[in-house]
């Protein structure tokens, strides 16, 4: 079977498994780029003709383009998923991708907001207008639940329960996140402002967070709200002021406050606890550095 025909079937299988459009697009484009390379440089077009050496040559090709280890590993994960499907459908006997080792990624410390920066960002908006209350609501949900930006946009009114919010996560996996007393306070004020603002307007969407025209917010809108808050809060220049950085803050704060890694992983909607451990590692390293600053050999010497 032609490798590109197998790719079309793989894409259909991903759609039937109801993977997100973003995931499917990544699988398809990254695999297609490899298949184009294999055909051009190795004259390989059949899926059962592809060997691990072809993938290794492709990795070498990507390294010469100065692409990062994490980016290349992302491509390898796509190829592993593609060939796992080919094995499942008995188009190949074994996956050649499993014999290609992942690139060693450099250890990266995850930097996020300080507590003071979060206070300043949330305080950047008040309840003077609907949009200001809505923006404050966006920031409060992002910092207090750790939800992804698309997950925040997708929250419906019916997802708001007594003490929890139902989050519709990646891969159609649902999870609950708690509503803290502070978040509940912001929600009540926002809901009053929203209901008053749309009292004489027709709203055709049941999303919890709405634009001024009554439409669902987009992830670009959330990014803009964070940028607006940053103009008033002045977050450090090396910190990206975004919903995803708020997610980092949520994770590290939960761990710093004593919540176990497994529970934090559940709240974040991570498929693998190892992903959550990266936050713990960064937190531990930062704590070690802070303690080391107070105990270096020359710290207490009068020089």
C-alpha atoms as a PDB file:
ATOM      1  CA  UNK A   1       0.000   0.000   0.000  1.00  0.00           C
ATOM      2  CA  UNK A   2       1.183   3.510  -0.786  1.00  0.00           C
ATOM      3  CA  UNK A   3       2.365   5.261   2.360  1.00  0.00           C
ATOM      4  CA  UNK A   4       0.276   8.339   1.505  1.00  0.00           C
ATOM      5  CA  UNK A   5      -2.856   6.208   1.166  1.00  0.00           C
ATOM      6  CA  UNK A   6      -2.132   4.734   4.580  1.00  0.00           C
ATOM      7  CA  UNK A   7      -1.809   8.286   5.880  1.00  0.00           C
ATOM      8  CA  UNK A   8      -5.315   9.092   4.632  1.00  0.00           C
ATOM      9  CA  UNK A   9      -6.678   6.065   6.474  1.00  0.00           C
ATOM     10  CA  UNK A  10      -4.735   7.070   9.583  1.00  0.00           C
ATOM     11  CA  UNK A  11      -6.281  10.526   9.446  1.00  0.00           C
ATOM     12  CA  UNK A  12      -9.771   9.009   9.174  1.00  0.00           C
ATOM     13  CA  UNK A  13      -9.033   6.737  12.143  1.00  0.00           C
ATOM     14  CA  UNK A  14      -7.978   9.766  14.208  1.00  0.00           C
ATOM     15  CA  UNK A  15     -11.219  11.513  13.295  1.00  0.00           C
ATOM     16  CA  UNK A  16     -13.269   8.459  14.287  1.00  0.00           C
ATOM     17  CA  UNK A  17     -11.422   8.403  17.621  1.00  0.00           C
ATOM     18  CA  UNK A  18     -12.489  12.026  17.971  1.00  0.00           C
ATOM     19  CA  UNK A  19      -9.023  13.440  18.468  1.00  0.00           C
ATOM     20  CA  UNK A  20      -8.815  17.219  18.430  1.00  0.00           C
ATOM     21  CA  UNK A  21      -8.437  18.997  15.088  1.00  0.00           C
ATOM     22  CA  UNK A  22      -5.090  20.342  16.257  1.00  0.00           C
ATOM     23  CA  UNK A  23      -3.784  16.860  17.078  1.00  0.00           C
ATOM     24  CA  UNK A  24      -4.975  15.435  13.766  1.00  0.00           C
ATOM     25  CA  UNK A  25      -3.409  18.299  11.850  1.00  0.00           C
ATOM     26  CA  UNK A  26      -0.084  17.737  13.628  1.00  0.00           C
ATOM     27  CA  UNK A  27      -0.129  13.992  12.966  1.00  0.00           C
ATOM     28  CA  UNK A  28      -1.003  14.484   9.315  1.00  0.00           C
ATOM     29  CA  UNK A  29       1.368  17.326   8.412  1.00  0.00           C
ATOM     30  CA  UNK A  30       4.404  15.947  10.247  1.00  0.00           C
ATOM     31  CA  UNK A  31       3.933  12.474   8.783  1.00  0.00           C
ATOM     32  CA  UNK A  32       3.306  13.831   5.285  1.00  0.00           C
ATOM     33  CA  UNK A  33       6.519  15.871   5.415  1.00  0.00           C
ATOM     34  CA  UNK A  34       8.459  12.718   6.273  1.00  0.00           C
ATOM     35  CA  UNK A  35       6.800  10.720   3.481  1.00  0.00           C
ATOM     36  CA  UNK A  36       7.659  13.448   0.975  1.00  0.00           C
ATOM     37  CA  UNK A  37      11.275  13.352   2.204  1.00  0.00           C
ATOM     38  CA  UNK A  38      11.427   9.541   1.979  1.00  0.00           C
ATOM     39  CA  UNK A  39      10.104   9.578  -1.571  1.00  0.00           C
ATOM     40  CA  UNK A  40      12.405  12.379  -2.694  1.00  0.00           C
ATOM     41  CA  UNK A  41      15.643  11.205  -1.076  1.00  0.00           C
ATOM     42  CA  UNK A  42      15.178   7.438  -0.868  1.00  0.00           C
ATOM     43  CA  UNK A  43      12.604   6.703  -3.593  1.00  0.00           C
ATOM     44  CA  UNK A  44      10.376   4.968  -1.038  1.00  0.00           C
ATOM     45  CA  UNK A  45       6.636   5.186  -1.599  1.00  0.00           C
ATOM     46  CA  UNK A  46       5.192   1.973  -0.132  1.00  0.00           C
ATOM     47  CA  UNK A  47       4.529   1.910   3.612  1.00  0.00           C
ATOM     48  CA  UNK A  48       6.108  -1.537   4.017  1.00  0.00           C
ATOM     49  CA  UNK A  49       9.303  -0.323   2.322  1.00  0.00           C
ATOM     50  CA  UNK A  50      10.045   2.270   4.999  1.00  0.00           C
ATOM     51  CA  UNK A  51      12.818   1.245   7.368  1.00  0.00           C
ATOM     52  CA  UNK A  52      14.187   2.743  10.557  1.00  0.00           C
ATOM     53  CA  UNK A  53      17.263   3.948   8.670  1.00  0.00           C
ATOM     54  CA  UNK A  54      15.032   6.197   6.558  1.00  0.00           C
ATOM     55  CA  UNK A  55      13.638   7.799   9.696  1.00  0.00           C
ATOM     56  CA  UNK A  56      17.142   8.165  11.143  1.00  0.00           C
ATOM     57  CA  UNK A  57      18.274   9.951   7.987  1.00  0.00           C
ATOM     58  CA  UNK A  58      15.252  12.236   8.328  1.00  0.00           C
ATOM     59  CA  UNK A  59      16.195  13.043  11.919  1.00  0.00           C
ATOM     60  CA  UNK A  60      19.705  13.855  10.742  1.00  0.00           C
ATOM     61  CA  UNK A  61      18.197  16.096   8.065  1.00  0.00           C
ATOM     62  CA  UNK A  62      16.139  17.927  10.709  1.00  0.00           C
ATOM     63  CA  UNK A  63      19.177  18.342  12.954  1.00  0.00           C
ATOM     64  CA  UNK A  64      21.067  19.987  10.110  1.00  0.00           C
ATOM     65  CA  UNK A  65      18.214  22.488   9.900  1.00  0.00           C
ATOM     66  CA  UNK A  66      18.992  23.422  13.529  1.00  0.00           C
ATOM     67  CA  UNK A  67      15.582  22.297  14.789  1.00  0.00           C
ATOM     68  CA  UNK A  68      15.271  21.758  18.539  1.00  0.00           C
ATOM     69  CA  UNK A  69      15.279  18.330  20.177  1.00  0.00           C
ATOM     70  CA  UNK A  70      11.751  18.845  21.511  1.00  0.00           C
ATOM     71  CA  UNK A  71      10.488  19.749  18.020  1.00  0.00           C
ATOM     72  CA  UNK A  72      12.102  16.645  16.492  1.00  0.00           C
ATOM     73  CA  UNK A  73      10.705  14.461  19.271  1.00  0.00           C
ATOM     74  CA  UNK A  74       7.267  15.814  18.482  1.00  0.00           C
ATOM     75  CA  UNK A  75       7.693  14.644  14.887  1.00  0.00           C
ATOM     76  CA  UNK A  76       8.917  11.222  16.031  1.00  0.00           C
ATOM     77  CA  UNK A  77       5.828  10.835  18.209  1.00  0.00           C
ATOM     78  CA  UNK A  78       3.670  11.496  15.140  1.00  0.00           C
ATOM     79  CA  UNK A  79       5.570   8.880  13.140  1.00  0.00           C
ATOM     80  CA  UNK A  80       5.219   6.358  15.956  1.00  0.00           C
ATOM     81  CA  UNK A  81       1.464   6.908  15.991  1.00  0.00           C
ATOM     82  CA  UNK A  82       1.293   6.560  12.193  1.00  0.00           C
ATOM     83  CA  UNK A  83       3.248   3.284  12.095  1.00  0.00           C
ATOM     84  CA  UNK A  84       1.372   1.918  15.110  1.00  0.00           C
ATOM     85  CA  UNK A  85      -1.778   2.333  13.008  1.00  0.00           C
ATOM     86  CA  UNK A  86      -0.078   0.616  10.048  1.00  0.00           C
ATOM     87  CA  UNK A  87       0.801  -2.346  12.298  1.00  0.00           C
ATOM     88  CA  UNK A  88      -2.746  -2.441  13.654  1.00  0.00           C
ATOM     89  CA  UNK A  89      -4.117  -2.609  10.128  1.00  0.00           C
ATOM     90  CA  UNK A  90      -1.499  -5.240   9.200  1.00  0.00           C
ATOM     91  CA  UNK A  91       0.024  -3.074   6.471  1.00  0.00           C
ATOM     92  CA  UNK A  92       3.425  -3.639   8.103  1.00  0.00           C
ATOM     93  CA  UNK A  93       4.679  -6.346  10.457  1.00  0.00           C
ATOM     94  CA  UNK A  94       6.523  -4.033  12.836  1.00  0.00           C
ATOM     95  CA  UNK A  95       6.936  -0.301  13.341  1.00  0.00           C
ATOM     96  CA  UNK A  96      10.291   1.064  12.124  1.00  0.00           C
ATOM     97  CA  UNK A  97       9.762   4.170  14.262  1.00  0.00           C
ATOM     98  CA  UNK A  98      10.194   2.312  17.554  1.00  0.00           C
ATOM     99  CA  UNK A  99      13.830   1.622  16.682  1.00  0.00           C
ATOM    100  CA  UNK A 100      14.609   5.340  16.422  1.00  0.00           C
ATOM    101  CA  UNK A 101      15.566   6.828  19.773  1.00  0.00           C
ATOM    102  CA  UNK A 102      14.164  10.113  20.945  1.00  0.00           C
ATOM    103  CA  UNK A 103      16.503  13.096  21.029  1.00  0.00           C
ATOM    104  CA  UNK A 104      17.874  14.090  24.401  1.00  0.00           C
ATOM    105  CA  UNK A 105      16.166  17.304  25.374  1.00  0.00           C
ATOM    106  CA  UNK A 106      17.935  19.928  27.468  1.00  0.00           C
ATOM    107  CA  UNK A 107      16.515  20.428  30.912  1.00  0.00           C
ATOM    108  CA  UNK A 108      14.389  23.572  30.923  1.00  0.00           C
ATOM    109  CA  UNK A 109      13.271  25.349  34.068  1.00  0.00           C
ATOM    110  CA  UNK A 110       9.670  26.458  33.738  1.00  0.00           C
ATOM    111  CA  UNK A 111       9.499  30.118  34.745  1.00  0.00           C
ATOM    112  CA  UNK A 112       6.153  31.584  35.693  1.00  0.00           C
ATOM    113  CA  UNK A 113       4.552  34.508  37.511  1.00  0.00           C
ATOM    114  CA  UNK A 114       5.312  35.505  41.080  1.00  0.00           C
ATOM    115  CA  UNK A 115       2.474  35.856  43.574  1.00  0.00           C
ATOM    116  CA  UNK A 116       2.779  39.660  43.425  1.00  0.00           C
ATOM    117  CA  UNK A 117       2.545  39.623  39.631  1.00  0.00           C
ATOM    118  CA  UNK A 118      -0.617  37.527  39.810  1.00  0.00           C
ATOM    119  CA  UNK A 119      -2.156  39.968  42.289  1.00  0.00           C
ATOM    120  CA  UNK A 120      -1.342  42.848  39.949  1.00  0.00           C
ATOM    121  CA  UNK A 121      -2.730  41.067  36.885  1.00  0.00           C
ATOM    122  CA  UNK A 122      -6.035  40.096  38.501  1.00  0.00           C
ATOM    123  CA  UNK A 123      -6.357  43.616  39.955  1.00  0.00           C
ATOM    124  CA  UNK A 124      -5.868  45.177  36.520  1.00  0.00           C
ATOM    125  CA  UNK A 125      -9.631  44.900  35.928  1.00  0.00           C
ATOM    126  CA  UNK A 126     -12.597  45.798  38.109  1.00  0.00           C
ATOM    127  CA  UNK A 127     -16.398  45.558  37.923  1.00  0.00           C
ATOM    128  CA  UNK A 128     -17.077  48.996  36.446  1.00  0.00           C
ATOM    129  CA  UNK A 129     -18.199  47.594  33.068  1.00  0.00           C
ATOM    130  CA  UNK A 130     -19.236  44.241  31.664  1.00  0.00           C
ATOM    131  CA  UNK A 131     -16.021  43.853  29.649  1.00  0.00           C
ATOM    132  CA  UNK A 132     -13.847  44.710  32.636  1.00  0.00           C
ATOM    133  CA  UNK A 133     -15.733  42.210  34.827  1.00  0.00           C
ATOM    134  CA  UNK A 134     -15.478  39.615  32.060  1.00  0.00           C
ATOM    135  CA  UNK A 135     -11.729  40.150  31.741  1.00  0.00           C
ATOM    136  CA  UNK A 136     -11.285  39.804  35.497  1.00  0.00           C
ATOM    137  CA  UNK A 137     -13.312  36.586  35.294  1.00  0.00           C
ATOM    138  CA  UNK A 138     -11.016  35.219  32.562  1.00  0.00           C
ATOM    139  CA  UNK A 139      -7.916  35.882  34.657  1.00  0.00           C
ATOM    140  CA  UNK A 140      -9.474  34.405  37.788  1.00  0.00           C
ATOM    141  CA  UNK A 141     -10.470  31.174  36.036  1.00  0.00           C
ATOM    142  CA  UNK A 142      -7.073  30.830  34.355  1.00  0.00           C
ATOM    143  CA  UNK A 143      -5.097  31.298  37.569  1.00  0.00           C
ATOM    144  CA  UNK A 144      -7.438  29.385  39.882  1.00  0.00           C
ATOM    145  CA  UNK A 145      -8.153  26.316  37.732  1.00  0.00           C
ATOM    146  CA  UNK A 146      -5.113  25.905  35.454  1.00  0.00           C
ATOM    147  CA  UNK A 147      -7.424  25.264  32.501  1.00  0.00           C
ATOM    148  CA  UNK A 148      -6.072  25.599  28.960  1.00  0.00           C
ATOM    149  CA  UNK A 149      -7.142  28.658  26.973  1.00  0.00           C
ATOM    150  CA  UNK A 150      -9.379  26.649  24.631  1.00  0.00           C
ATOM    151  CA  UNK A 151     -10.895  24.854  27.619  1.00  0.00           C
ATOM    152  CA  UNK A 152     -11.781  28.199  29.199  1.00  0.00           C
ATOM    153  CA  UNK A 153     -13.439  29.359  25.985  1.00  0.00           C
ATOM    154  CA  UNK A 154     -15.481  26.126  25.799  1.00  0.00           C
ATOM    155  CA  UNK A 155     -16.967  26.335  29.311  1.00  0.00           C
ATOM    156  CA  UNK A 156     -20.773  26.383  29.096  1.00  0.00           C
ATOM    157  CA  UNK A 157     -23.177  27.739  31.697  1.00  0.00           C
ATOM    158  CA  UNK A 158     -24.326  24.219  32.495  1.00  0.00           C
ATOM    159  CA  UNK A 159     -20.707  23.268  33.251  1.00  0.00           C
ATOM    160  CA  UNK A 160     -20.736  25.521  36.304  1.00  0.00           C
ATOM    161  CA  UNK A 161     -21.781  23.353  39.252  1.00  0.00           C
ATOM    162  CA  UNK A 162     -22.114  24.100  42.972  1.00  0.00           C
ATOM    163  CA  UNK A 163     -18.470  23.598  43.874  1.00  0.00           C
ATOM    164  CA  UNK A 164     -16.787  22.535  40.636  1.00  0.00           C
ATOM    165  CA  UNK A 165     -16.461  23.417  36.959  1.00  0.00           C
ATOM    166  CA  UNK A 166     -16.701  20.669  34.343  1.00  0.00           C
ATOM    167  CA  UNK A 167     -13.795  21.076  31.945  1.00  0.00           C
ATOM    168  CA  UNK A 168     -13.942  19.520  28.475  1.00  0.00           C
ATOM    169  CA  UNK A 169     -10.294  18.643  27.916  1.00  0.00           C
ATOM    170  CA  UNK A 170      -8.097  17.322  25.142  1.00  0.00           C
ATOM    171  CA  UNK A 171      -9.193  14.087  23.520  1.00  0.00           C
ATOM    172  CA  UNK A 172     -12.765  14.655  24.711  1.00  0.00           C
ATOM    173  CA  UNK A 173     -11.717  13.827  28.269  1.00  0.00           C
ATOM    174  CA  UNK A 174     -13.716  15.550  30.974  1.00  0.00           C
ATOM    175  CA  UNK A 175     -12.485  16.530  34.412  1.00  0.00           C
ATOM    176  CA  UNK A 176     -13.650  18.624  37.356  1.00  0.00           C
ATOM    177  CA  UNK A 177     -11.775  21.560  38.846  1.00  0.00           C
ATOM    178  CA  UNK A 178     -12.786  23.153  42.148  1.00  0.00           C
ATOM    179  CA  UNK A 179     -14.369  26.579  42.589  1.00  0.00           C
ATOM    180  CA  UNK A 180     -12.526  28.371  45.376  1.00  0.00           C
ATOM    181  CA  UNK A 181     -14.292  30.958  47.578  1.00  0.00           C
ATOM    182  CA  UNK A 182     -12.468  33.775  45.755  1.00  0.00           C
ATOM    183  CA  UNK A 183     -13.375  32.408  42.342  1.00  0.00           C
ATOM    184  CA  UNK A 184     -17.005  32.050  43.418  1.00  0.00           C
ATOM    185  CA  UNK A 185     -17.009  35.701  44.494  1.00  0.00           C
ATOM    186  CA  UNK A 186     -15.718  36.855  41.100  1.00  0.00           C
ATOM    187  CA  UNK A 187     -18.189  34.575  39.316  1.00  0.00           C
ATOM    188  CA  UNK A 188     -21.204  35.995  41.156  1.00  0.00           C
ATOM    189  CA  UNK A 189     -20.223  39.572  40.320  1.00  0.00           C
ATOM    190  CA  UNK A 190     -19.459  38.706  36.702  1.00  0.00           C
ATOM    191  CA  UNK A 191     -22.751  36.863  36.260  1.00  0.00           C
ATOM    192  CA  UNK A 192     -24.726  39.854  37.541  1.00  0.00           C
ATOM    193  CA  UNK A 193     -22.883  42.160  35.124  1.00  0.00           C
ATOM    194  CA  UNK A 194     -23.352  39.721  32.236  1.00  0.00           C
ATOM    195  CA  UNK A 195     -27.064  39.199  32.835  1.00  0.00           C
ATOM    196  CA  UNK A 196     -27.656  42.950  33.077  1.00  0.00           C
ATOM    197  CA  UNK A 197     -25.570  43.672  29.954  1.00  0.00           C
ATOM    198  CA  UNK A 198     -27.406  41.110  27.803  1.00  0.00           C
ATOM    199  CA  UNK A 199     -30.843  41.688  29.335  1.00  0.00           C
ATOM    200  CA  UNK A 200     -32.223  43.403  26.204  1.00  0.00           C
ATOM    201  CA  UNK A 201     -30.030  41.553  23.662  1.00  0.00           C
ATOM    202  CA  UNK A 202     -30.419  38.233  21.910  1.00  0.00           C
ATOM    203  CA  UNK A 203     -27.726  35.703  22.821  1.00  0.00           C
ATOM    204  CA  UNK A 204     -27.472  32.541  20.731  1.00  0.00           C
ATOM    205  CA  UNK A 205     -24.642  30.871  22.635  1.00  0.00           C
ATOM    206  CA  UNK A 206     -24.593  29.293  26.083  1.00  0.00           C
ATOM    207  CA  UNK A 207     -20.875  29.796  26.699  1.00  0.00           C
ATOM    208  CA  UNK A 208     -20.087  31.058  30.167  1.00  0.00           C
ATOM    209  CA  UNK A 209     -17.706  33.744  28.891  1.00  0.00           C
ATOM    210  CA  UNK A 210     -19.019  35.951  26.103  1.00  0.00           C
ATOM    211  CA  UNK A 211     -17.746  38.736  23.898  1.00  0.00           C
ATOM    212  CA  UNK A 212     -19.469  42.123  23.853  1.00  0.00           C
ATOM    213  CA  UNK A 213     -21.572  40.849  20.922  1.00  0.00           C
ATOM    214  CA  UNK A 214     -22.634  37.704  22.759  1.00  0.00           C
ATOM    215  CA  UNK A 215     -20.342  35.317  20.918  1.00  0.00           C
ATOM    216  CA  UNK A 216     -17.953  32.781  22.508  1.00  0.00           C
ATOM    217  CA  UNK A 217     -14.471  34.029  23.306  1.00  0.00           C
ATOM    218  CA  UNK A 218     -11.559  32.774  21.215  1.00  0.00           C
ATOM    219  CA  UNK A 219      -8.095  31.815  22.407  1.00  0.00           C
ATOM    220  CA  UNK A 220      -6.813  34.946  20.648  1.00  0.00           C
ATOM    221  CA  UNK A 221      -9.228  37.007  22.745  1.00  0.00           C
ATOM    222  CA  UNK A 222      -7.842  35.430  25.917  1.00  0.00           C
ATOM    223  CA  UNK A 223      -4.292  36.248  24.830  1.00  0.00           C
ATOM    224  CA  UNK A 224      -5.391  39.854  24.231  1.00  0.00           C
ATOM    225  CA  UNK A 225      -6.953  40.062  27.704  1.00  0.00           C
ATOM    226  CA  UNK A 226      -3.679  38.931  29.289  1.00  0.00           C
ATOM    227  CA  UNK A 227      -1.778  41.489  27.222  1.00  0.00           C
ATOM    228  CA  UNK A 228      -4.144  44.203  28.405  1.00  0.00           C
ATOM    229  CA  UNK A 229      -3.614  43.188  32.024  1.00  0.00           C
ATOM    230  CA  UNK A 230       0.154  43.147  31.501  1.00  0.00           C
ATOM    231  CA  UNK A 231       0.111  46.759  30.343  1.00  0.00           C
ATOM    232  CA  UNK A 232      -1.114  47.700  33.822  1.00  0.00           C
ATOM    233  CA  UNK A 233       0.704  45.061  35.865  1.00  0.00           C
ATOM    234  CA  UNK A 234       4.140  45.204  34.189  1.00  0.00           C
ATOM    235  CA  UNK A 235       5.180  41.573  34.482  1.00  0.00           C
ATOM    236  CA  UNK A 236       8.909  40.838  34.115  1.00  0.00           C
ATOM    237  CA  UNK A 237      10.062  40.960  30.500  1.00  0.00           C
ATOM    238  CA  UNK A 238      11.377  37.378  30.490  1.00  0.00           C
ATOM    239  CA  UNK A 239       7.932  36.018  31.450  1.00  0.00           C
ATOM    240  CA  UNK A 240       5.362  35.568  28.692  1.00  0.00           C
ATOM    241  CA  UNK A 241       2.077  36.957  29.930  1.00  0.00           C
ATOM    242  CA  UNK A 242      -0.368  34.382  28.611  1.00  0.00           C
ATOM    243  CA  UNK A 243      -3.032  31.869  29.715  1.00  0.00           C
ATOM    244  CA  UNK A 244      -0.477  29.067  29.374  1.00  0.00           C
ATOM    245  CA  UNK A 245       1.887  30.790  31.801  1.00  0.00           C
ATOM    246  CA  UNK A 246      -1.074  31.081  34.181  1.00  0.00           C
ATOM    247  CA  UNK A 247      -1.408  27.301  33.860  1.00  0.00           C
ATOM    248  CA  UNK A 248       2.246  26.975  34.852  1.00  0.00           C
ATOM    249  CA  UNK A 249       1.599  29.192  37.871  1.00  0.00           C
ATOM    250  CA  UNK A 250      -1.381  27.083  38.913  1.00  0.00           C
ATOM    251  CA  UNK A 251       0.639  23.860  38.728  1.00  0.00           C
ATOM    252  CA  UNK A 252       3.652  25.139  40.628  1.00  0.00           C
ATOM    253  CA  UNK A 253       1.543  26.878  43.281  1.00  0.00           C
ATOM    254  CA  UNK A 254      -0.467  23.705  43.926  1.00  0.00           C
ATOM    255  CA  UNK A 255       2.754  21.722  44.315  1.00  0.00           C
ATOM    256  CA  UNK A 256       4.291  24.404  46.519  1.00  0.00           C
ATOM    257  CA  UNK A 257       1.191  24.322  48.715  1.00  0.00           C
ATOM    258  CA  UNK A 258       1.575  20.580  49.267  1.00  0.00           C
ATOM    259  CA  UNK A 259      -0.800  19.005  46.734  1.00  0.00           C
ATOM    260  CA  UNK A 260       0.612  15.725  45.443  1.00  0.00           C
ATOM    261  CA  UNK A 261       1.810  15.368  41.849  1.00  0.00           C
ATOM    262  CA  UNK A 262      -0.879  12.845  40.928  1.00  0.00           C
ATOM    263  CA  UNK A 263      -3.704  15.169  42.019  1.00  0.00           C
ATOM    264  CA  UNK A 264      -2.162  18.134  40.202  1.00  0.00           C
ATOM    265  CA  UNK A 265      -1.876  15.959  37.093  1.00  0.00           C
ATOM    266  CA  UNK A 266      -5.576  15.126  37.311  1.00  0.00           C
ATOM    267  CA  UNK A 267      -6.528  18.790  37.707  1.00  0.00           C
ATOM    268  CA  UNK A 268      -4.401  19.790  34.724  1.00  0.00           C
ATOM    269  CA  UNK A 269      -5.789  17.015  32.535  1.00  0.00           C
ATOM    270  CA  UNK A 270      -2.372  15.549  31.771  1.00  0.00           C
ATOM    271  CA  UNK A 271      -2.328  12.131  30.145  1.00  0.00           C
ATOM    272  CA  UNK A 272       1.024  11.310  31.681  1.00  0.00           C
ATOM    273  CA  UNK A 273       2.189  12.166  35.195  1.00  0.00           C
ATOM    274  CA  UNK A 274       5.718  12.691  33.827  1.00  0.00           C
ATOM    275  CA  UNK A 275       4.493  15.877  32.181  1.00  0.00           C
ATOM    276  CA  UNK A 276       3.428  17.218  35.574  1.00  0.00           C
ATOM    277  CA  UNK A 277       6.761  16.223  37.113  1.00  0.00           C
ATOM    278  CA  UNK A 278       8.452  18.873  34.981  1.00  0.00           C
ATOM    279  CA  UNK A 279       6.702  21.513  37.072  1.00  0.00           C
ATOM    280  CA  UNK A 280       7.851  19.814  40.266  1.00  0.00           C
ATOM    281  CA  UNK A 281      11.435  19.609  38.996  1.00  0.00           C
ATOM    282  CA  UNK A 282      11.478  23.313  38.137  1.00  0.00           C
ATOM    283  CA  UNK A 283       9.994  24.162  41.519  1.00  0.00           C
ATOM    284  CA  UNK A 284      12.550  22.058  43.378  1.00  0.00           C
ATOM    285  CA  UNK A 285      15.457  23.546  41.440  1.00  0.00           C
ATOM    286  CA  UNK A 286      14.276  27.084  42.163  1.00  0.00           C
ATOM    287  CA  UNK A 287      13.922  26.315  45.869  1.00  0.00           C
ATOM    288  CA  UNK A 288      17.419  24.838  45.945  1.00  0.00           C
ATOM    289  CA  UNK A 289      18.838  27.949  44.278  1.00  0.00           C
ATOM    290  CA  UNK A 290      17.070  30.236  46.757  1.00  0.00           C
ATOM    291  CA  UNK A 291      18.426  28.254  49.716  1.00  0.00           C
ATOM    292  CA  UNK A 292      21.897  28.104  48.191  1.00  0.00           C
ATOM    293  CA  UNK A 293      22.005  31.901  47.908  1.00  0.00           C
ATOM    294  CA  UNK A 294      21.747  32.070  51.700  1.00  0.00           C
ATOM    295  CA  UNK A 295      24.376  29.421  52.349  1.00  0.00           C
ATOM    296  CA  UNK A 296      27.181  30.012  49.860  1.00  0.00           C
ATOM    297  CA  UNK A 297      30.716  30.035  51.366  1.00  0.00           C
ATOM    298  CA  UNK A 298      31.229  33.769  50.874  1.00  0.00           C
ATOM    299  CA  UNK A 299      27.718  34.891  51.845  1.00  0.00           C
ATOM    300  CA  UNK A 300      28.462  35.433  55.530  1.00  0.00           C
ATOM    301  CA  UNK A 301      32.069  36.526  55.153  1.00  0.00           C
ATOM    302  CA  UNK A 302      32.900  40.184  55.545  1.00  0.00           C
ATOM    303  CA  UNK A 303      35.051  40.802  52.505  1.00  0.00           C
END
